[in-house]
């Protein structure tokens, strides 16, 4: 019993952003055990090199194209993994890094409306799995918005091809 009582508490913090589907769907009712277990699933230590299906990345490409003019104005330096930096089983985690950085730019540039909501919605649909063994976003080099967008487009194109292959 004493071993159990000496365990460190886990505090879950889930940031919300305008347009975040999860933020819009929260209610004041208590969470069920299944919901709590799902949120705690990141504690699992298992790894998998299998393809993790993600939302349709071709839709994200369309969203990004519509935002391009607005975000190209940013002078932000962003974490931007190159294709050579990312292992096959970490592509989804890499995509998460890109989307999180893109959300920062959207908020800093105060971009609002359907174009921005499209990226917020895509982010809400990304798998929340813990990608054990993948490098954190901050481990990648900082690049300007032009390089960032080029690398993100390349990753989205590669993942769209993978998505289309997976569906067939």
C-alpha atoms as a PDB file:
ATOM      1  CA  UNK A   1       0.000   0.000   0.000  1.00  0.00           C
ATOM      2  CA  UNK A   2       2.838   2.406   0.753  1.00  0.00           C
ATOM      3  CA  UNK A   3       4.321   1.893  -2.748  1.00  0.00           C
ATOM      4  CA  UNK A   4       1.048   2.953  -4.288  1.00  0.00           C
ATOM      5  CA  UNK A   5       0.875   6.048  -2.112  1.00  0.00           C
ATOM      6  CA  UNK A   6       4.380   7.198  -3.096  1.00  0.00           C
ATOM      7  CA  UNK A   7       3.602   7.338  -6.815  1.00  0.00           C
ATOM      8  CA  UNK A   8       3.931  10.759  -8.390  1.00  0.00           C
ATOM      9  CA  UNK A   9       0.660  12.401  -9.410  1.00  0.00           C
ATOM     10  CA  UNK A  10       0.004  12.921 -13.112  1.00  0.00           C
ATOM     11  CA  UNK A  11      -1.484  16.233 -14.142  1.00  0.00           C
ATOM     12  CA  UNK A  12      -3.004  16.400 -17.589  1.00  0.00           C
ATOM     13  CA  UNK A  13      -3.112  19.765 -19.296  1.00  0.00           C
ATOM     14  CA  UNK A  14      -4.850  20.023 -22.611  1.00  0.00           C
ATOM     15  CA  UNK A  15      -4.503  23.405 -24.300  1.00  0.00           C
ATOM     16  CA  UNK A  16      -7.447  24.588 -26.317  1.00  0.00           C
ATOM     17  CA  UNK A  17      -7.443  26.849 -29.325  1.00  0.00           C
ATOM     18  CA  UNK A  18     -10.189  28.698 -31.156  1.00  0.00           C
ATOM     19  CA  UNK A  19     -11.878  26.246 -33.474  1.00  0.00           C
ATOM     20  CA  UNK A  20     -10.559  23.192 -31.616  1.00  0.00           C
ATOM     21  CA  UNK A  21     -13.262  20.550 -31.918  1.00  0.00           C
ATOM     22  CA  UNK A  22     -12.395  19.013 -28.573  1.00  0.00           C
ATOM     23  CA  UNK A  23     -12.707  22.349 -26.812  1.00  0.00           C
ATOM     24  CA  UNK A  24     -16.111  22.922 -28.361  1.00  0.00           C
ATOM     25  CA  UNK A  25     -17.403  19.537 -27.292  1.00  0.00           C
ATOM     26  CA  UNK A  26     -16.422  19.584 -23.628  1.00  0.00           C
ATOM     27  CA  UNK A  27     -19.201  19.654 -21.096  1.00  0.00           C
ATOM     28  CA  UNK A  28     -19.546  20.047 -17.363  1.00  0.00           C
ATOM     29  CA  UNK A  29     -20.403  16.375 -16.817  1.00  0.00           C
ATOM     30  CA  UNK A  30     -17.820  14.189 -15.054  1.00  0.00           C
ATOM     31  CA  UNK A  31     -15.566  12.134 -17.311  1.00  0.00           C
ATOM     32  CA  UNK A  32     -16.256   8.428 -17.609  1.00  0.00           C
ATOM     33  CA  UNK A  33     -13.599   5.848 -16.807  1.00  0.00           C
ATOM     34  CA  UNK A  34     -13.260   5.058 -20.525  1.00  0.00           C
ATOM     35  CA  UNK A  35     -12.592   8.723 -21.329  1.00  0.00           C
ATOM     36  CA  UNK A  36      -9.984   8.960 -18.587  1.00  0.00           C
ATOM     37  CA  UNK A  37      -8.326   5.735 -19.752  1.00  0.00           C
ATOM     38  CA  UNK A  38      -8.176   7.094 -23.285  1.00  0.00           C
ATOM     39  CA  UNK A  39      -6.480  10.293 -22.108  1.00  0.00           C
ATOM     40  CA  UNK A  40      -4.017   8.260 -20.046  1.00  0.00           C
ATOM     41  CA  UNK A  41      -3.166   5.956 -22.944  1.00  0.00           C
ATOM     42  CA  UNK A  42       0.012   7.956 -23.534  1.00  0.00           C
ATOM     43  CA  UNK A  43       1.488   6.127 -20.534  1.00  0.00           C
ATOM     44  CA  UNK A  44       1.736   2.965 -22.592  1.00  0.00           C
ATOM     45  CA  UNK A  45       5.300   1.981 -23.414  1.00  0.00           C
ATOM     46  CA  UNK A  46       4.508  -0.091 -26.464  1.00  0.00           C
ATOM     47  CA  UNK A  47       5.819   0.971 -29.833  1.00  0.00           C
ATOM     48  CA  UNK A  48       4.674   0.153 -33.292  1.00  0.00           C
ATOM     49  CA  UNK A  49       6.281   0.695 -36.652  1.00  0.00           C
ATOM     50  CA  UNK A  50       2.967   0.060 -38.403  1.00  0.00           C
ATOM     51  CA  UNK A  51       1.301   2.772 -40.429  1.00  0.00           C
ATOM     52  CA  UNK A  52      -0.856   4.991 -38.237  1.00  0.00           C
ATOM     53  CA  UNK A  53      -3.823   6.229 -40.238  1.00  0.00           C
ATOM     54  CA  UNK A  54      -4.255   9.989 -40.038  1.00  0.00           C
ATOM     55  CA  UNK A  55      -6.987  12.239 -41.339  1.00  0.00           C
ATOM     56  CA  UNK A  56      -6.975  12.837 -45.057  1.00  0.00           C
ATOM     57  CA  UNK A  57      -3.779  14.820 -45.552  1.00  0.00           C
ATOM     58  CA  UNK A  58      -4.835  15.995 -49.010  1.00  0.00           C
ATOM     59  CA  UNK A  59      -7.473  18.076 -47.213  1.00  0.00           C
ATOM     60  CA  UNK A  60      -4.704  19.601 -45.051  1.00  0.00           C
ATOM     61  CA  UNK A  61      -2.788  20.434 -48.248  1.00  0.00           C
ATOM     62  CA  UNK A  62      -5.808  22.377 -49.522  1.00  0.00           C
ATOM     63  CA  UNK A  63      -6.097  24.187 -46.156  1.00  0.00           C
ATOM     64  CA  UNK A  64      -2.409  25.065 -46.207  1.00  0.00           C
ATOM     65  CA  UNK A  65      -2.595  26.347 -49.783  1.00  0.00           C
ATOM     66  CA  UNK A  66      -5.458  28.670 -48.833  1.00  0.00           C
ATOM     67  CA  UNK A  67      -3.453  30.005 -45.863  1.00  0.00           C
ATOM     68  CA  UNK A  68      -0.169  30.420 -47.701  1.00  0.00           C
ATOM     69  CA  UNK A  69      -0.430  34.159 -48.434  1.00  0.00           C
ATOM     70  CA  UNK A  70      -1.434  34.981 -44.859  1.00  0.00           C
ATOM     71  CA  UNK A  71       1.279  32.918 -43.177  1.00  0.00           C
ATOM     72  CA  UNK A  72       4.115  33.827 -45.551  1.00  0.00           C
ATOM     73  CA  UNK A  73       4.133  37.264 -43.897  1.00  0.00           C
ATOM     74  CA  UNK A  74       5.411  35.721 -40.665  1.00  0.00           C
ATOM     75  CA  UNK A  75       9.056  36.214 -39.738  1.00  0.00           C
ATOM     76  CA  UNK A  76       8.885  33.386 -37.191  1.00  0.00           C
ATOM     77  CA  UNK A  77      11.581  30.754 -36.961  1.00  0.00           C
ATOM     78  CA  UNK A  78       9.885  27.365 -36.720  1.00  0.00           C
ATOM     79  CA  UNK A  79      10.911  23.797 -35.945  1.00  0.00           C
ATOM     80  CA  UNK A  80      10.988  22.093 -39.324  1.00  0.00           C
ATOM     81  CA  UNK A  81      12.233  18.517 -39.591  1.00  0.00           C
ATOM     82  CA  UNK A  82      13.639  17.606 -42.973  1.00  0.00           C
ATOM     83  CA  UNK A  83      12.671  14.381 -44.704  1.00  0.00           C
ATOM     84  CA  UNK A  84      16.044  12.901 -43.710  1.00  0.00           C
ATOM     85  CA  UNK A  85      15.451  13.743 -40.023  1.00  0.00           C
ATOM     86  CA  UNK A  86      12.283  11.679 -39.631  1.00  0.00           C
ATOM     87  CA  UNK A  87      12.125   7.906 -39.225  1.00  0.00           C
ATOM     88  CA  UNK A  88       9.248   6.108 -40.932  1.00  0.00           C
ATOM     89  CA  UNK A  89       7.437   5.322 -37.673  1.00  0.00           C
ATOM     90  CA  UNK A  90       7.694   8.984 -36.591  1.00  0.00           C
ATOM     91  CA  UNK A  91       6.072  10.674 -39.590  1.00  0.00           C
ATOM     92  CA  UNK A  92       2.792  11.293 -37.761  1.00  0.00           C
ATOM     93  CA  UNK A  93       4.673  12.796 -34.815  1.00  0.00           C
ATOM     94  CA  UNK A  94       6.579  14.988 -37.258  1.00  0.00           C
ATOM     95  CA  UNK A  95       3.294  16.096 -38.802  1.00  0.00           C
ATOM     96  CA  UNK A  96       2.035  16.963 -35.316  1.00  0.00           C
ATOM     97  CA  UNK A  97       5.138  19.129 -34.808  1.00  0.00           C
ATOM     98  CA  UNK A  98       4.470  20.974 -38.060  1.00  0.00           C
ATOM     99  CA  UNK A  99       0.795  21.510 -37.262  1.00  0.00           C
ATOM    100  CA  UNK A 100       1.578  22.794 -33.753  1.00  0.00           C
ATOM    101  CA  UNK A 101       4.077  25.260 -35.212  1.00  0.00           C
ATOM    102  CA  UNK A 102       1.544  26.293 -37.852  1.00  0.00           C
ATOM    103  CA  UNK A 103      -1.062  26.908 -35.141  1.00  0.00           C
ATOM    104  CA  UNK A 104       1.386  29.242 -33.399  1.00  0.00           C
ATOM    105  CA  UNK A 105       1.821  31.232 -36.615  1.00  0.00           C
ATOM    106  CA  UNK A 106      -1.947  31.368 -37.151  1.00  0.00           C
ATOM    107  CA  UNK A 107      -2.446  32.730 -33.653  1.00  0.00           C
ATOM    108  CA  UNK A 108       0.477  35.184 -33.825  1.00  0.00           C
ATOM    109  CA  UNK A 109      -0.633  36.517 -37.193  1.00  0.00           C
ATOM    110  CA  UNK A 110      -4.220  36.634 -35.866  1.00  0.00           C
ATOM    111  CA  UNK A 111      -5.589  34.690 -38.807  1.00  0.00           C
ATOM    112  CA  UNK A 112      -9.242  33.875 -38.248  1.00  0.00           C
ATOM    113  CA  UNK A 113     -12.045  32.305 -40.205  1.00  0.00           C
ATOM    114  CA  UNK A 114     -12.582  29.105 -42.147  1.00  0.00           C
ATOM    115  CA  UNK A 115      -9.006  28.985 -43.449  1.00  0.00           C
ATOM    116  CA  UNK A 116      -7.582  28.920 -39.925  1.00  0.00           C
ATOM    117  CA  UNK A 117     -10.349  26.677 -38.584  1.00  0.00           C
ATOM    118  CA  UNK A 118      -9.440  24.115 -41.215  1.00  0.00           C
ATOM    119  CA  UNK A 119      -5.998  23.650 -39.606  1.00  0.00           C
ATOM    120  CA  UNK A 120      -7.445  23.653 -36.072  1.00  0.00           C
ATOM    121  CA  UNK A 121      -9.890  20.938 -37.131  1.00  0.00           C
ATOM    122  CA  UNK A 122      -7.134  18.890 -38.773  1.00  0.00           C
ATOM    123  CA  UNK A 123      -5.078  19.146 -35.580  1.00  0.00           C
ATOM    124  CA  UNK A 124      -8.029  17.890 -33.521  1.00  0.00           C
ATOM    125  CA  UNK A 125      -8.242  14.804 -35.736  1.00  0.00           C
ATOM    126  CA  UNK A 126      -4.568  13.840 -35.535  1.00  0.00           C
ATOM    127  CA  UNK A 127      -3.832  10.702 -33.512  1.00  0.00           C
ATOM    128  CA  UNK A 128      -3.000  11.472 -29.896  1.00  0.00           C
ATOM    129  CA  UNK A 129      -0.827   8.387 -29.498  1.00  0.00           C
ATOM    130  CA  UNK A 130       2.456   8.592 -27.690  1.00  0.00           C
ATOM    131  CA  UNK A 131       5.144   8.055 -30.285  1.00  0.00           C
ATOM    132  CA  UNK A 132       7.802   6.395 -28.157  1.00  0.00           C
ATOM    133  CA  UNK A 133      11.256   6.762 -29.646  1.00  0.00           C
ATOM    134  CA  UNK A 134      10.370   9.781 -31.780  1.00  0.00           C
ATOM    135  CA  UNK A 135      12.321  12.993 -31.360  1.00  0.00           C
ATOM    136  CA  UNK A 136      10.491  15.901 -29.724  1.00  0.00           C
ATOM    137  CA  UNK A 137       9.624  18.854 -31.949  1.00  0.00           C
ATOM    138  CA  UNK A 138      12.266  21.017 -30.293  1.00  0.00           C
ATOM    139  CA  UNK A 139      15.015  18.607 -31.421  1.00  0.00           C
ATOM    140  CA  UNK A 140      14.693  19.769 -35.021  1.00  0.00           C
ATOM    141  CA  UNK A 141      16.361  22.850 -36.495  1.00  0.00           C
ATOM    142  CA  UNK A 142      14.664  26.218 -36.681  1.00  0.00           C
ATOM    143  CA  UNK A 143      13.885  27.428 -40.189  1.00  0.00           C
ATOM    144  CA  UNK A 144      12.174  30.432 -41.740  1.00  0.00           C
ATOM    145  CA  UNK A 145       8.585  30.248 -42.939  1.00  0.00           C
ATOM    146  CA  UNK A 146       9.569  29.531 -46.556  1.00  0.00           C
ATOM    147  CA  UNK A 147      11.635  26.443 -45.682  1.00  0.00           C
ATOM    148  CA  UNK A 148       9.019  25.413 -43.111  1.00  0.00           C
ATOM    149  CA  UNK A 149       6.204  25.526 -45.677  1.00  0.00           C
ATOM    150  CA  UNK A 150       8.251  23.683 -48.280  1.00  0.00           C
ATOM    151  CA  UNK A 151       9.100  20.874 -45.859  1.00  0.00           C
ATOM    152  CA  UNK A 152       5.526  20.677 -44.550  1.00  0.00           C
ATOM    153  CA  UNK A 153       4.181  20.444 -48.097  1.00  0.00           C
ATOM    154  CA  UNK A 154       6.658  17.658 -48.873  1.00  0.00           C
ATOM    155  CA  UNK A 155       5.598  15.702 -45.778  1.00  0.00           C
ATOM    156  CA  UNK A 156       1.899  16.190 -46.542  1.00  0.00           C
ATOM    157  CA  UNK A 157       2.424  15.037 -50.116  1.00  0.00           C
ATOM    158  CA  UNK A 158       4.276  11.939 -48.945  1.00  0.00           C
ATOM    159  CA  UNK A 159       1.609  11.166 -46.352  1.00  0.00           C
ATOM    160  CA  UNK A 160      -1.195  11.745 -48.873  1.00  0.00           C
ATOM    161  CA  UNK A 161       0.419   9.158 -51.126  1.00  0.00           C
ATOM    162  CA  UNK A 162       0.734   6.813 -48.141  1.00  0.00           C
ATOM    163  CA  UNK A 163      -2.915   7.507 -47.188  1.00  0.00           C
ATOM    164  CA  UNK A 164      -4.139   6.708 -50.694  1.00  0.00           C
ATOM    165  CA  UNK A 165      -2.101   3.490 -50.730  1.00  0.00           C
ATOM    166  CA  UNK A 166      -3.461   2.526 -47.285  1.00  0.00           C
ATOM    167  CA  UNK A 167      -7.081   3.057 -48.379  1.00  0.00           C
ATOM    168  CA  UNK A 168      -6.763   0.671 -51.337  1.00  0.00           C
END
